[in-house]
Amino acid sequence: MLTRGGCPKNMMSIRDALEALEGKWKLLILFSLATGPKRFKGISKEVEGISDKILSKELKNLELNSLITREVFDTFPPTVEYAITPHGRSLEKVMEELHFWGLAHRKKIMGK
């Protein structure tokens, strides 16, 4: 796509994807949920460096974009679990490519 040029529709679809996944946390949260449903604190522990406030905001945004589900259980106190949706799992190839690009980028920049 980069070598052939693009059209405005390509630009729009890329913008849509970037808006749904903007920031440094959303893909890491999805990666955390890839192994199964988790509660808030479980995600918080796996995604190092994220504050509870930001995690809460990102989870709401991911839910709005149908990338995760939020299930509230009738317990006391209420138990809430987050799970990745099939739509969220559709990002697996993107995340894999980002992983390989990140490895190559680190090698190029760090010289290792």
Protein backbone atom coordinates (compact mmCIF):
# COMPACT_ATOMS: atom_id res chain seq x y z
CA MET A 1 0.00 0.00 0.00
CA LEU A 2 2.82 2.42 0.79
CA THR A 3 4.75 1.64 -2.39
CA ARG A 4 1.71 1.85 -4.69
CA GLY A 5 0.32 5.04 -3.27
CA GLY A 6 -3.09 5.29 -1.78
CA CYS A 7 -6.47 6.77 -2.34
CA PRO A 8 -8.63 8.83 0.03
CA LYS A 9 -10.59 5.69 1.01
CA ASN A 10 -7.34 4.05 2.18
CA MET A 11 -6.55 7.13 4.24
CA MET A 12 -10.03 7.09 5.80
CA SER A 13 -9.85 3.42 6.80
CA ILE A 14 -6.40 3.92 8.33
CA ARG A 15 -7.70 6.94 10.25
CA ASP A 16 -10.64 4.86 11.54
CA ALA A 17 -8.26 2.14 12.73
CA LEU A 18 -5.93 4.64 14.39
CA GLU A 19 -8.82 6.32 16.19
CA ALA A 20 -10.03 2.95 17.56
CA LEU A 21 -6.51 1.95 18.66
CA GLU A 22 -4.92 5.32 19.47
CA GLY A 23 -2.50 5.59 22.34
CA LYS A 24 0.09 3.25 23.75
CA TRP A 25 -2.22 1.17 25.95
CA LYS A 26 -5.08 -0.28 23.92
CA LEU A 27 -3.12 -2.96 22.06
CA LEU A 28 -1.34 -3.93 25.28
CA ILE A 29 -4.70 -4.31 27.03
CA LEU A 30 -5.97 -6.49 24.17
CA PHE A 31 -2.77 -8.54 24.38
CA SER A 32 -3.41 -9.06 28.09
CA LEU A 33 -6.96 -10.24 27.40
CA ALA A 34 -5.89 -12.60 24.61
CA THR A 35 -5.27 -15.39 27.15
CA GLY A 36 -8.77 -15.14 28.59
CA PRO A 37 -11.15 -12.94 30.56
CA LYS A 38 -9.65 -10.89 33.37
CA ARG A 39 -10.72 -8.59 36.14
CA PHE A 40 -9.55 -4.98 36.32
CA LYS A 41 -6.65 -5.64 38.72
CA GLY A 42 -5.45 -8.58 36.63
CA ILE A 43 -5.17 -6.36 33.57
CA SER A 44 -3.57 -3.60 35.64
CA LYS A 45 -0.84 -5.95 36.85
CA GLU A 46 -0.08 -7.28 33.35
CA VAL A 47 0.01 -3.90 31.62
CA GLU A 48 2.94 -2.35 33.46
CA GLY A 49 2.92 1.38 33.98
CA ILE A 50 -0.76 2.06 33.33
CA SER A 51 -2.66 3.98 36.01
CA ASP A 52 -6.09 2.84 37.16
CA LYS A 53 -7.63 6.03 35.79
CA ILE A 54 -6.17 5.51 32.31
CA LEU A 55 -6.99 1.77 32.34
CA SER A 56 -10.60 2.56 33.17
CA LYS A 57 -10.80 5.11 30.32
CA GLU A 58 -9.16 2.74 27.82
CA LEU A 59 -11.43 -0.17 28.78
CA LYS A 60 -14.50 2.01 28.18
CA ASN A 61 -13.15 3.06 24.80
CA LEU A 62 -12.33 -0.53 23.80
CA GLU A 63 -15.85 -1.56 24.80
CA LEU A 64 -17.38 1.29 22.76
CA ASN A 65 -15.43 0.03 19.73
CA SER A 66 -16.69 -3.55 20.29
CA LEU A 67 -13.15 -4.83 20.89
CA ILE A 68 -13.90 -6.09 24.42
CA THR A 69 -16.92 -6.99 26.51
CA ARG A 70 -17.58 -6.06 30.13
CA GLU A 71 -19.57 -8.54 32.19
CA VAL A 72 -20.86 -7.69 35.65
CA PHE A 73 -21.56 -10.63 37.95
CA ASP A 74 -24.21 -10.54 40.68
CA THR A 75 -21.86 -10.86 43.64
CA PHE A 76 -21.06 -8.73 46.64
CA PRO A 77 -19.06 -6.70 45.97
CA PRO A 78 -19.85 -6.79 42.23
CA THR A 79 -17.35 -8.70 40.12
CA VAL A 80 -16.53 -7.33 36.67
CA GLU A 81 -14.69 -9.28 33.98
CA TYR A 82 -13.38 -8.05 30.67
CA ALA A 83 -12.95 -10.29 27.63
CA ILE A 84 -11.76 -9.79 24.09
CA THR A 85 -14.43 -10.08 21.38
CA PRO A 86 -14.06 -11.78 17.99
CA HIS A 87 -13.75 -8.26 16.55
CA GLY A 88 -10.86 -7.63 18.96
CA ARG A 89 -9.27 -10.96 18.01
CA SER A 90 -9.36 -9.84 14.38
CA LEU A 91 -6.38 -7.62 15.29
CA GLU A 92 -4.14 -10.65 15.88
CA LYS A 93 -2.32 -10.32 12.54
CA VAL A 94 -1.86 -6.59 13.08
CA MET A 95 -0.37 -7.22 16.53
CA GLU A 96 1.89 -9.96 15.18
CA GLU A 97 3.19 -7.65 12.45
CA LEU A 98 3.72 -4.86 15.00
CA HIS A 99 5.68 -7.33 17.13
CA PHE A 100 8.00 -8.22 14.24
CA TRP A 101 8.32 -4.59 13.18
CA GLY A 102 9.16 -3.64 16.77
CA LEU A 103 11.90 -6.28 16.91
CA ALA A 104 13.39 -5.04 13.63
CA HIS A 105 13.07 -1.41 14.71
CA ARG A 106 14.81 -2.07 18.05
CA LYS A 107 17.59 -3.89 16.21
CA LYS A 108 18.03 -1.01 13.75
CA ILE A 109 17.97 1.73 16.38
CA MET A 110 19.96 -0.10 19.07
CA GLY A 111 22.31 -1.76 16.62
CA LYS A 112 21.72 -5.20 18.18
